[in-house]
Amino acid sequence: MRQTLILMALALPVSVYAQAPKPAPTLKSILIEQLRSTHNKADWFVPGNTAVEGLTAEQASWTDGKGNHSVGELATHLVFWNRRQLAKFKGEPQGSYSGQNDDTFKFDPKQWNALVKQLDEVMNEWETAVAAADEGKLQSWYATIAHVGTHNAYHIGQIVFVRKEQGSWNPEKGVK
């Protein structure tokens, strides 16, 4: 038996044994991977695009009546803070802000489809901006970009939870 296994192993092509090692991750690749995991690449958790996919404006407006945010409010908040931090990263004006975080959750159901598109766009823009940034810029911004990803993951988790409470979540999309 042992000789048969050895002979079988010798018959395997070299490519089975000699796979090129993956390149070492870079700060840029790590940040982009983190941003994509909260945007459109399912990995350890549900990405944002999947979390908001298929909802109507009415469903996006639903709350549990206990003071928790709706999906629409959470998505509005994510768009606001992603845009604001991205503008800062790019050296552009950040727009007005009242200083009241509650104001960043204001949702207009008539704008739901546009909001879903804006969420996708701002996340794409983050990935593009990080990909184009030089190492020095990433060295000075890595903590903020990592926090943006963490903030996105936190609120996307809330979106999925709200959808589960509402009964609009399909568990085949990632969370049973």
Protein backbone atom coordinates (compact mmCIF):
# COMPACT_ATOMS: atom_id res chain seq x y z
CA MET A 1 0.00 0.00 0.00
CA ARG A 2 2.76 2.42 0.94
CA GLN A 3 4.63 1.75 -2.32
CA THR A 4 1.42 2.33 -4.29
CA LEU A 5 0.89 5.71 -2.63
CA ILE A 6 4.48 6.73 -3.33
CA LEU A 7 4.18 5.69 -6.97
CA MET A 8 0.88 7.55 -7.29
CA ALA A 9 2.44 10.69 -5.81
CA LEU A 10 5.35 10.49 -8.24
CA ALA A 11 2.93 10.34 -11.15
CA LEU A 12 1.28 13.66 -10.25
CA PRO A 13 2.30 16.64 -12.38
CA VAL A 14 4.81 19.06 -10.92
CA SER A 15 2.19 21.83 -10.99
CA VAL A 16 0.35 20.12 -8.13
CA TYR A 17 3.40 20.57 -5.90
CA ALA A 18 5.01 23.72 -7.25
CA GLN A 19 2.45 26.48 -7.01
CA ALA A 20 3.84 29.97 -7.08
CA PRO A 21 3.58 31.60 -3.66
CA LYS A 22 1.15 34.47 -3.35
CA PRO A 23 2.79 37.88 -3.24
CA ALA A 24 3.05 39.37 0.23
CA PRO A 25 0.14 41.66 1.03
CA THR A 26 0.74 45.37 0.92
CA LEU A 27 -0.94 48.10 2.90
CA LYS A 28 -2.82 49.04 -0.28
CA SER A 29 -4.00 45.49 -0.98
CA ILE A 30 -5.15 45.00 2.60
CA LEU A 31 -7.14 48.26 2.64
CA ILE A 32 -8.73 47.55 -0.74
CA GLU A 33 -9.66 44.03 0.36
CA GLN A 34 -11.28 45.42 3.51
CA LEU A 35 -13.22 48.04 1.54
CA ARG A 36 -14.41 45.47 -1.01
CA SER A 37 -15.60 43.12 1.73
CA THR A 38 -18.04 45.80 2.89
CA HIS A 39 -18.99 46.74 -0.65
CA ASN A 40 -19.55 43.86 -3.04
CA LYS A 41 -17.32 40.89 -2.17
CA ALA A 42 -18.90 38.35 0.15
CA ASP A 43 -16.30 36.99 2.53
CA TRP A 44 -16.67 36.78 6.31
CA PHE A 45 -19.92 38.74 6.27
CA VAL A 46 -22.58 40.10 3.94
CA PRO A 47 -21.35 43.03 1.80
CA GLY A 48 -23.31 46.27 1.50
CA ASN A 49 -24.63 45.70 -2.01
CA THR A 50 -26.15 42.38 -0.95
CA ALA A 51 -27.55 43.87 2.27
CA VAL A 52 -29.64 46.48 0.43
CA GLU A 53 -30.40 44.43 -2.67
CA GLY A 54 -34.03 43.91 -3.64
CA LEU A 55 -35.64 46.19 -1.06
CA THR A 56 -38.52 48.48 -1.92
CA ALA A 57 -38.64 52.02 -0.59
CA GLU A 58 -41.43 50.92 1.73
CA GLN A 59 -39.32 48.08 3.13
CA ALA A 60 -36.32 50.42 3.46
CA SER A 61 -38.50 52.76 5.58
CA TRP A 62 -39.65 50.08 8.03
CA THR A 63 -38.66 50.35 11.70
CA ASP A 64 -39.35 48.07 14.62
CA GLY A 65 -41.03 50.86 16.58
CA LYS A 66 -38.40 50.68 19.33
CA GLY A 67 -36.26 53.62 18.22
CA ASN A 68 -33.93 51.62 15.96
CA HIS A 69 -33.02 52.90 12.51
CA SER A 70 -34.55 51.74 9.25
CA VAL A 71 -32.45 50.30 6.43
CA GLY A 72 -32.91 53.58 4.56
CA GLU A 73 -31.64 55.61 7.51
CA LEU A 74 -28.62 53.35 7.90
CA ALA A 75 -27.83 53.53 4.19
CA THR A 76 -28.16 57.34 4.26
CA HIS A 77 -25.76 57.48 7.19
CA LEU A 78 -23.24 55.27 5.36
CA VAL A 79 -23.39 57.40 2.22
CA PHE A 80 -22.93 60.59 4.24
CA TRP A 81 -19.87 59.43 6.19
CA ASN A 82 -18.23 57.59 3.30
CA ARG A 83 -18.59 60.67 1.08
CA ARG A 84 -17.32 62.99 3.79
CA GLN A 85 -14.24 60.95 4.59
CA LEU A 86 -13.53 60.31 0.91
CA ALA A 87 -13.68 64.04 0.15
CA LYS A 88 -11.26 64.66 3.01
CA PHE A 89 -8.96 61.90 1.70
CA LYS A 90 -9.00 63.49 -1.77
CA GLY A 91 -8.45 67.01 -0.40
CA GLU A 92 -11.88 68.17 -1.59
CA PRO A 93 -14.50 70.20 0.30
CA GLN A 94 -16.46 67.96 2.65
CA GLY A 95 -19.77 69.76 2.43
CA SER A 96 -21.85 71.10 5.26
CA TYR A 97 -22.45 69.19 8.45
CA SER A 98 -24.54 70.30 11.41
CA GLY A 99 -22.31 68.49 13.87
CA GLN A 100 -25.27 66.34 14.90
CA ASN A 101 -24.79 62.71 13.92
CA ASP A 102 -28.56 62.16 14.11
CA ASP A 103 -28.88 64.42 11.05
CA THR A 104 -26.89 61.90 8.99
CA PHE A 105 -29.71 59.35 9.28
CA LYS A 106 -32.42 61.47 7.61
CA PHE A 107 -34.02 59.31 4.90
CA ASP A 108 -36.39 60.20 2.07
CA PRO A 109 -38.10 57.04 0.77
CA LYS A 110 -38.64 58.73 -2.62
CA GLN A 111 -34.85 58.67 -3.02
CA TRP A 112 -34.35 54.98 -2.15
CA ASN A 113 -33.22 53.78 -5.59
CA ALA A 114 -30.88 56.74 -5.97
CA LEU A 115 -29.52 56.10 -2.47
CA VAL A 116 -28.70 52.47 -3.29
CA LYS A 117 -26.81 53.69 -6.36
CA GLN A 118 -24.98 56.35 -4.32
CA LEU A 119 -23.89 53.76 -1.77
CA ASP A 120 -22.43 51.59 -4.52
CA GLU A 121 -20.76 54.60 -6.16
CA VAL A 122 -19.11 55.96 -3.03
CA MET A 123 -17.75 52.52 -2.16
CA ASN A 124 -16.39 52.16 -5.71
CA GLU A 125 -14.83 55.60 -5.40
CA TRP A 126 -13.12 54.62 -2.14
CA GLU A 127 -11.59 51.54 -3.76
CA THR A 128 -10.43 53.56 -6.79
CA ALA A 129 -8.95 56.31 -4.61
CA VAL A 130 -7.03 53.86 -2.43
CA ALA A 131 -5.77 51.98 -5.51
CA ALA A 132 -4.47 55.27 -6.97
CA ALA A 133 -2.91 56.55 -3.72
CA ASP A 134 0.82 56.45 -3.14
CA GLU A 135 2.39 54.70 -0.17
CA GLY A 136 2.96 57.94 1.76
CA LYS A 137 -0.71 58.90 1.56
CA LEU A 138 -1.75 55.41 2.66
CA GLN A 139 0.71 55.49 5.56
CA SER A 140 -0.91 58.65 6.87
CA TRP A 141 -4.49 57.49 6.21
CA TYR A 142 -4.47 53.74 6.90
CA ALA A 143 -6.15 53.98 10.32
CA THR A 144 -8.97 56.18 9.01
CA ILE A 145 -9.55 53.93 5.98
CA ALA A 146 -9.59 50.86 8.24
CA HIS A 147 -12.12 52.61 10.48
CA VAL A 148 -14.27 53.44 7.43
CA GLY A 149 -14.34 49.72 6.62
CA THR A 150 -15.17 48.81 10.21
CA HIS A 151 -17.89 51.46 10.37
CA ASN A 152 -19.37 50.12 7.12
CA ALA A 153 -19.31 46.53 8.42
CA TYR A 154 -21.02 47.58 11.66
CA HIS A 155 -23.91 49.33 9.95
CA ILE A 156 -24.25 46.68 7.23
CA GLY A 157 -24.70 44.17 10.05
CA GLN A 158 -27.46 46.38 11.41
CA ILE A 159 -29.09 46.49 7.97
CA VAL A 160 -29.13 42.70 7.80
CA PHE A 161 -30.53 42.53 11.35
CA VAL A 162 -33.32 45.00 10.51
CA ARG A 163 -34.18 42.96 7.41
CA LYS A 164 -34.28 39.78 9.49
CA GLU A 165 -36.60 41.45 12.02
CA GLN A 166 -38.76 42.72 9.17
CA GLY A 167 -38.88 39.35 7.44
CA SER A 168 -37.35 40.67 4.21
CA TRP A 169 -33.99 38.91 4.52
CA ASN A 170 -33.22 35.86 2.40
CA PRO A 171 -30.94 33.64 4.54
CA GLU A 172 -29.46 32.15 1.36
CA LYS A 173 -27.66 35.48 0.92
CA GLY A 174 -25.32 34.80 3.78
CA VAL A 175 -26.83 35.00 7.25
CA LYS A 176 -29.16 32.25 8.44
